PDB file of N, CA and C in Angstrom:
ATOM      1  N   MET A   1     -63.006 -88.303 -20.256  1.00  0.00           N
ATOM      2  CA  MET A   1     -61.992 -87.583 -19.628  1.00  0.00           C
ATOM      3  C   MET A   1     -60.975 -87.161 -20.597  1.00  0.00           C
ATOM      4  N   ILE A   2     -60.451 -86.026 -20.195  1.00  0.00           N
ATOM      5  CA  ILE A   2     -59.418 -85.407 -21.214  1.00  0.00           C
ATOM      6  C   ILE A   2     -58.083 -85.913 -20.728  1.00  0.00           C
ATOM      7  N   LYS A   3     -57.284 -86.318 -21.679  1.00  0.00           N
ATOM      8  CA  LYS A   3     -55.620 -86.563 -21.416  1.00  0.00           C
ATOM      9  C   LYS A   3     -54.863 -85.727 -22.198  1.00  0.00           C
ATOM     10  N   LEU A   4     -53.616 -86.014 -21.873  1.00  0.00           N
ATOM     11  CA  LEU A   4     -52.512 -85.268 -22.429  1.00  0.00           C
ATOM     12  C   LEU A   4     -52.378 -85.656 -23.840  1.00  0.00           C
ATOM     13  N   TYR A   5     -52.292 -84.732 -24.687  1.00  0.00           N
ATOM     14  CA  TYR A   5     -52.247 -85.047 -26.137  1.00  0.00           C
ATOM     15  C   TYR A   5     -53.457 -85.313 -26.873  1.00  0.00           C
ATOM     16  N   ASP A   6     -54.613 -85.191 -26.234  1.00  0.00           N
ATOM     17  CA  ASP A   6     -55.989 -85.490 -26.828  1.00  0.00           C
ATOM     18  C   ASP A   6     -56.164 -84.219 -27.772  1.00  0.00           C
ATOM     19  N   LYS A   7     -56.857 -84.422 -29.063  1.00  0.00           N
ATOM     20  CA  LYS A   7     -57.289 -83.425 -29.875  1.00  0.00           C
ATOM     21  C   LYS A   7     -58.624 -82.978 -29.153  1.00  0.00           C
ATOM     22  N   VAL A   8     -58.820 -81.630 -29.125  1.00  0.00           N
ATOM     23  CA  VAL A   8     -60.047 -81.082 -28.448  1.00  0.00           C
ATOM     24  C   VAL A   8     -60.506 -79.849 -29.133  1.00  0.00           C
ATOM     25  N   GLU A   9     -61.537 -79.518 -28.805  1.00  0.00           N
ATOM     26  CA  GLU A   9     -62.226 -78.283 -29.149  1.00  0.00           C
ATOM     27  C   GLU A   9     -62.399 -77.352 -28.018  1.00  0.00           C
ATOM     28  N   ILE A  10     -62.179 -76.160 -28.049  1.00  0.00           N
ATOM     29  CA  ILE A  10     -62.494 -75.231 -26.967  1.00  0.00           C
ATOM     30  C   ILE A  10     -64.024 -74.719 -27.309  1.00  0.00           C
ATOM     31  N   ILE A  11     -64.831 -75.225 -26.385  1.00  0.00           N
ATOM     32  CA  ILE A  11     -66.420 -75.071 -26.939  1.00  0.00           C
ATOM     33  C   ILE A  11     -66.808 -73.668 -27.248  1.00  0.00           C
ATOM     34  N   ASP A  12     -66.538 -72.702 -26.316  1.00  0.00           N
ATOM     35  CA  ASP A  12     -67.045 -71.349 -26.451  1.00  0.00           C
ATOM     36  C   ASP A  12     -66.044 -70.495 -27.509  1.00  0.00           C
ATOM     37  N   ARG A  13     -65.066 -70.900 -27.864  1.00  0.00           N
ATOM     38  CA  ARG A  13     -64.273 -70.141 -28.917  1.00  0.00           C
ATOM     39  C   ARG A  13     -64.167 -70.901 -30.229  1.00  0.00           C
ATOM     40  N   GLY A  14     -64.504 -72.108 -30.534  1.00  0.00           N
ATOM     41  CA  GLY A  14     -64.625 -72.982 -31.757  1.00  0.00           C
ATOM     42  C   GLY A  14     -63.107 -73.007 -32.129  1.00  0.00           C
ATOM     43  N   ILE A  15     -62.051 -73.040 -31.244  1.00  0.00           N
ATOM     44  CA  ILE A  15     -60.906 -73.351 -31.477  1.00  0.00           C
ATOM     45  C   ILE A  15     -60.461 -74.918 -31.321  1.00  0.00           C
ATOM     46  N   THR A  16     -59.902 -75.365 -32.339  1.00  0.00           N
ATOM     47  CA  THR A  16     -59.292 -76.900 -32.122  1.00  0.00           C
ATOM     48  C   THR A  16     -57.734 -76.937 -31.890  1.00  0.00           C
ATOM     49  N   GLY A  17     -57.406 -77.939 -31.191  1.00  0.00           N
ATOM     50  CA  GLY A  17     -56.020 -78.016 -30.676  1.00  0.00           C
ATOM     51  C   GLY A  17     -55.653 -79.309 -29.966  1.00  0.00           C
ATOM     52  N   GLU A  18     -54.312 -79.169 -29.237  1.00  0.00           N
ATOM     53  CA  GLU A  18     -53.970 -80.383 -28.688  1.00  0.00           C
ATOM     54  C   GLU A  18     -53.679 -80.000 -27.146  1.00  0.00           C
ATOM     55  N   VAL A  19     -54.133 -80.865 -26.241  1.00  0.00           N
ATOM     56  CA  VAL A  19     -53.747 -80.695 -24.911  1.00  0.00           C
ATOM     57  C   VAL A  19     -52.259 -80.792 -24.637  1.00  0.00           C
ATOM     58  N   VAL A  20     -51.597 -79.918 -24.131  1.00  0.00           N
ATOM     59  CA  VAL A  20     -50.260 -80.023 -23.965  1.00  0.00           C
ATOM     60  C   VAL A  20     -49.715 -80.041 -22.505  1.00  0.00           C
ATOM     61  N   ASP A  21     -50.603 -79.577 -21.769  1.00  0.00           N
ATOM     62  CA  ASP A  21     -50.423 -79.724 -20.201  1.00  0.00           C
ATOM     63  C   ASP A  21     -51.722 -79.907 -19.446  1.00  0.00           C
ATOM     64  N   ILE A  22     -51.632 -80.590 -18.389  1.00  0.00           N
ATOM     65  CA  ILE A  22     -52.796 -80.573 -17.302  1.00  0.00           C
ATOM     66  C   ILE A  22     -52.261 -80.500 -15.941  1.00  0.00           C
ATOM     67  N   SER A  23     -52.774 -79.597 -15.359  1.00  0.00           N
ATOM     68  CA  SER A  23     -52.412 -79.509 -13.781  1.00  0.00           C
ATOM     69  C   SER A  23     -53.203 -80.398 -12.990  1.00  0.00           C
ATOM     70  N   GLU A  24     -52.794 -80.469 -11.695  1.00  0.00           N
ATOM     71  CA  GLU A  24     -53.364 -81.305 -10.734  1.00  0.00           C
ATOM     72  C   GLU A  24     -54.769 -80.879 -10.306  1.00  0.00           C
ATOM     73  N   SER A  25     -55.035 -79.589 -10.573  1.00  0.00           N
ATOM     74  CA  SER A  25     -56.315 -78.966 -10.214  1.00  0.00           C
ATOM     75  C   SER A  25     -57.378 -79.057 -11.488  1.00  0.00           C
ATOM     76  N   GLY A  26     -56.861 -79.739 -12.657  1.00  0.00           N
ATOM     77  CA  GLY A  26     -57.859 -79.797 -13.642  1.00  0.00           C
ATOM     78  C   GLY A  26     -57.830 -78.678 -14.669  1.00  0.00           C
ATOM     79  N   LYS A  27     -56.679 -77.909 -14.569  1.00  0.00           N
ATOM     80  CA  LYS A  27     -56.629 -76.764 -15.746  1.00  0.00           C
ATOM     81  C   LYS A  27     -55.815 -77.496 -16.779  1.00  0.00           C
ATOM     82  N   CYS A  28     -56.090 -76.944 -18.043  1.00  0.00           N
ATOM     83  CA  CYS A  28     -55.351 -77.479 -19.192  1.00  0.00           C
ATOM     84  C   CYS A  28     -54.846 -76.359 -19.811  1.00  0.00           C
ATOM     85  N   VAL A  29     -53.679 -76.740 -20.869  1.00  0.00           N
ATOM     86  CA  VAL A  29     -53.188 -75.679 -21.583  1.00  0.00           C
ATOM     87  C   VAL A  29     -53.440 -76.449 -23.037  1.00  0.00           C
ATOM     88  N   VAL A  30     -54.045 -75.626 -23.991  1.00  0.00           N
ATOM     89  CA  VAL A  30     -54.399 -76.357 -25.257  1.00  0.00           C
ATOM     90  C   VAL A  30     -53.586 -75.341 -26.282  1.00  0.00           C
ATOM     91  N   GLU A  31     -52.959 -76.106 -27.183  1.00  0.00           N
ATOM     92  CA  GLU A  31     -52.078 -75.493 -28.317  1.00  0.00           C
ATOM     93  C   GLU A  31     -52.907 -75.479 -29.506  1.00  0.00           C
ATOM     94  N   SER A  32     -53.270 -74.452 -30.161  1.00  0.00           N
ATOM     95  CA  SER A  32     -53.974 -74.510 -31.274  1.00  0.00           C
ATOM     96  C   SER A  32     -53.444 -75.062 -32.432  1.00  0.00           C
ATOM     97  N   ASP A  33     -54.391 -75.477 -33.350  1.00  0.00           N
ATOM     98  CA  ASP A  33     -54.041 -76.009 -34.575  1.00  0.00           C
ATOM     99  C   ASP A  33     -53.611 -75.150 -35.645  1.00  0.00           C
ATOM    100  N   SER A  34     -54.020 -73.962 -35.417  1.00  0.00           N
ATOM    101  CA  SER A  34     -53.683 -72.796 -36.403  1.00  0.00           C
ATOM    102  C   SER A  34     -52.533 -72.036 -36.081  1.00  0.00           C
ATOM    103  N   LYS A  35     -51.716 -71.666 -36.783  1.00  0.00           N
ATOM    104  CA  LYS A  35     -50.577 -71.019 -36.752  1.00  0.00           C
ATOM    105  C   LYS A  35     -50.933 -69.545 -37.064  1.00  0.00           C
ATOM    106  N   GLU A  36     -51.268 -68.747 -35.954  1.00  0.00           N
ATOM    107  CA  GLU A  36     -51.837 -67.478 -36.047  1.00  0.00           C
ATOM    108  C   GLU A  36     -51.998 -66.820 -34.645  1.00  0.00           C
ATOM    109  N   HIS A  37     -52.010 -65.603 -34.446  1.00  0.00           N
ATOM    110  CA  HIS A  37     -52.140 -64.951 -33.298  1.00  0.00           C
ATOM    111  C   HIS A  37     -53.568 -64.837 -33.211  1.00  0.00           C
ATOM    112  N   LYS A  38     -54.158 -65.054 -32.053  1.00  0.00           N
ATOM    113  CA  LYS A  38     -55.555 -64.884 -31.806  1.00  0.00           C
ATOM    114  C   LYS A  38     -55.811 -64.160 -30.390  1.00  0.00           C
ATOM    115  N   GLU A  39     -56.809 -63.298 -30.191  1.00  0.00           N
ATOM    116  CA  GLU A  39     -57.070 -62.862 -29.075  1.00  0.00           C
ATOM    117  C   GLU A  39     -57.395 -63.788 -28.078  1.00  0.00           C
ATOM    118  N   GLY A  40     -56.837 -63.475 -26.556  1.00  0.00           N
ATOM    119  CA  GLY A  40     -57.048 -64.332 -25.639  1.00  0.00           C
ATOM    120  C   GLY A  40     -55.948 -65.331 -25.457  1.00  0.00           C
ATOM    121  N   ALA A  41     -54.913 -65.470 -26.295  1.00  0.00           N
ATOM    122  CA  ALA A  41     -53.991 -66.490 -26.425  1.00  0.00           C
ATOM    123  C   ALA A  41     -52.610 -66.035 -25.961  1.00  0.00           C
ATOM    124  N   TYR A  42     -51.697 -66.859 -25.816  1.00  0.00           N
ATOM    125  CA  TYR A  42     -50.291 -66.553 -25.371  1.00  0.00           C
ATOM    126  C   TYR A  42     -49.420 -67.395 -26.102  1.00  0.00           C
ATOM    127  N   GLY A  43     -48.042 -67.205 -26.069  1.00  0.00           N
ATOM    128  CA  GLY A  43     -47.189 -68.069 -26.587  1.00  0.00           C
ATOM    129  C   GLY A  43     -46.667 -67.565 -28.038  1.00  0.00           C
ATOM    130  N   GLY A  44     -46.089 -68.318 -28.838  1.00  0.00           N
ATOM    131  CA  GLY A  44     -45.324 -67.783 -30.053  1.00  0.00           C
ATOM    132  C   GLY A  44     -46.186 -67.997 -31.263  1.00  0.00           C
ATOM    133  N   GLU A  45     -45.958 -68.626 -32.240  1.00  0.00           N
ATOM    134  CA  GLU A  45     -46.500 -68.823 -33.549  1.00  0.00           C
ATOM    135  C   GLU A  45     -47.593 -69.775 -33.331  1.00  0.00           C
ATOM    136  N   TRP A  46     -47.723 -70.817 -32.394  1.00  0.00           N
ATOM    137  CA  TRP A  46     -48.784 -71.701 -32.174  1.00  0.00           C
ATOM    138  C   TRP A  46     -49.493 -71.170 -30.812  1.00  0.00           C
ATOM    139  N   PRO A  47     -50.667 -70.566 -30.937  1.00  0.00           N
ATOM    140  CA  PRO A  47     -51.295 -69.960 -29.777  1.00  0.00           C
ATOM    141  C   PRO A  47     -51.730 -71.093 -28.513  1.00  0.00           C
ATOM    142  N   LEU A  48     -51.443 -70.565 -27.510  1.00  0.00           N
ATOM    143  CA  LEU A  48     -51.876 -71.435 -26.198  1.00  0.00           C
ATOM    144  C   LEU A  48     -52.972 -70.741 -25.536  1.00  0.00           C
ATOM    145  N   TYR A  49     -53.781 -71.526 -24.878  1.00  0.00           N
ATOM    146  CA  TYR A  49     -55.000 -71.258 -24.226  1.00  0.00           C
ATOM    147  C   TYR A  49     -54.964 -71.863 -22.939  1.00  0.00           C
ATOM    148  N   ASP A  50     -55.355 -71.217 -21.572  1.00  0.00           N
ATOM    149  CA  ASP A  50     -55.692 -71.814 -20.388  1.00  0.00           C
ATOM    150  C   ASP A  50     -56.899 -72.194 -20.526  1.00  0.00           C
ATOM    151  N   CYS A  51     -57.465 -73.441 -20.171  1.00  0.00           N
ATOM    152  CA  CYS A  51     -58.851 -73.773 -20.143  1.00  0.00           C
ATOM    153  C   CYS A  51     -59.187 -74.829 -18.800  1.00  0.00           C
ATOM    154  N   ASP A  52     -60.288 -74.617 -18.406  1.00  0.00           N
ATOM    155  CA  ASP A  52     -60.803 -75.665 -17.488  1.00  0.00           C
ATOM    156  C   ASP A  52     -61.287 -76.852 -18.383  1.00  0.00           C
ATOM    157  N   VAL A  53     -61.316 -78.083 -17.985  1.00  0.00           N
ATOM    158  CA  VAL A  53     -61.574 -79.253 -18.538  1.00  0.00           C
ATOM    159  C   VAL A  53     -63.110 -79.048 -18.927  1.00  0.00           C
ATOM    160  N   SER A  54     -64.089 -78.433 -18.331  1.00  0.00           N
ATOM    161  CA  SER A  54     -65.302 -78.208 -18.716  1.00  0.00           C
ATOM    162  C   SER A  54     -65.473 -77.507 -20.038  1.00  0.00           C
ATOM    163  N   MET A  55     -64.474 -76.642 -20.328  1.00  0.00           N
ATOM    164  CA  MET A  55     -64.439 -75.818 -21.565  1.00  0.00           C
ATOM    165  C   MET A  55     -64.269 -76.623 -22.811  1.00  0.00           C
ATOM    166  N   LEU A  56     -63.747 -77.866 -22.618  1.00  0.00           N
ATOM    167  CA  LEU A  56     -63.229 -78.723 -23.823  1.00  0.00           C
ATOM    168  C   LEU A  56     -64.014 -79.921 -24.137  1.00  0.00           C
ATOM    169  N   LYS A  57     -64.006 -80.287 -25.435  1.00  0.00           N
ATOM    170  CA  LYS A  57     -64.663 -81.510 -25.951  1.00  0.00           C
ATOM    171  C   LYS A  57     -63.685 -82.259 -26.816  1.00  0.00           C
ATOM    172  N   LYS A  58     -63.552 -83.402 -26.832  1.00  0.00           N
ATOM    173  CA  LYS A  58     -62.666 -84.313 -27.696  1.00  0.00           C
ATOM    174  C   LYS A  58     -63.270 -84.115 -29.170  1.00  0.00           C
ATOM    175  N   THR A  59     -62.168 -84.159 -29.924  1.00  0.00           N
ATOM    176  CA  THR A  59     -62.667 -84.232 -31.330  1.00  0.00           C
ATOM    177  C   THR A  59     -62.248 -85.437 -31.938  1.00  0.00           C
TER     178      THR A  59
END
């Protein structure tokens, strides 16, 4: 089970980061460990990604 502040990998992108938000419907926001802009991300210096729990694995 994925919890808030778990270190995870977004499986299909190979991006590692930390879960910073989880909705009641099971959607997660992952903040990247890399300080760079990547395609498909939003936010400032540290890219954010919206993901389903099924897209994540703990690291």
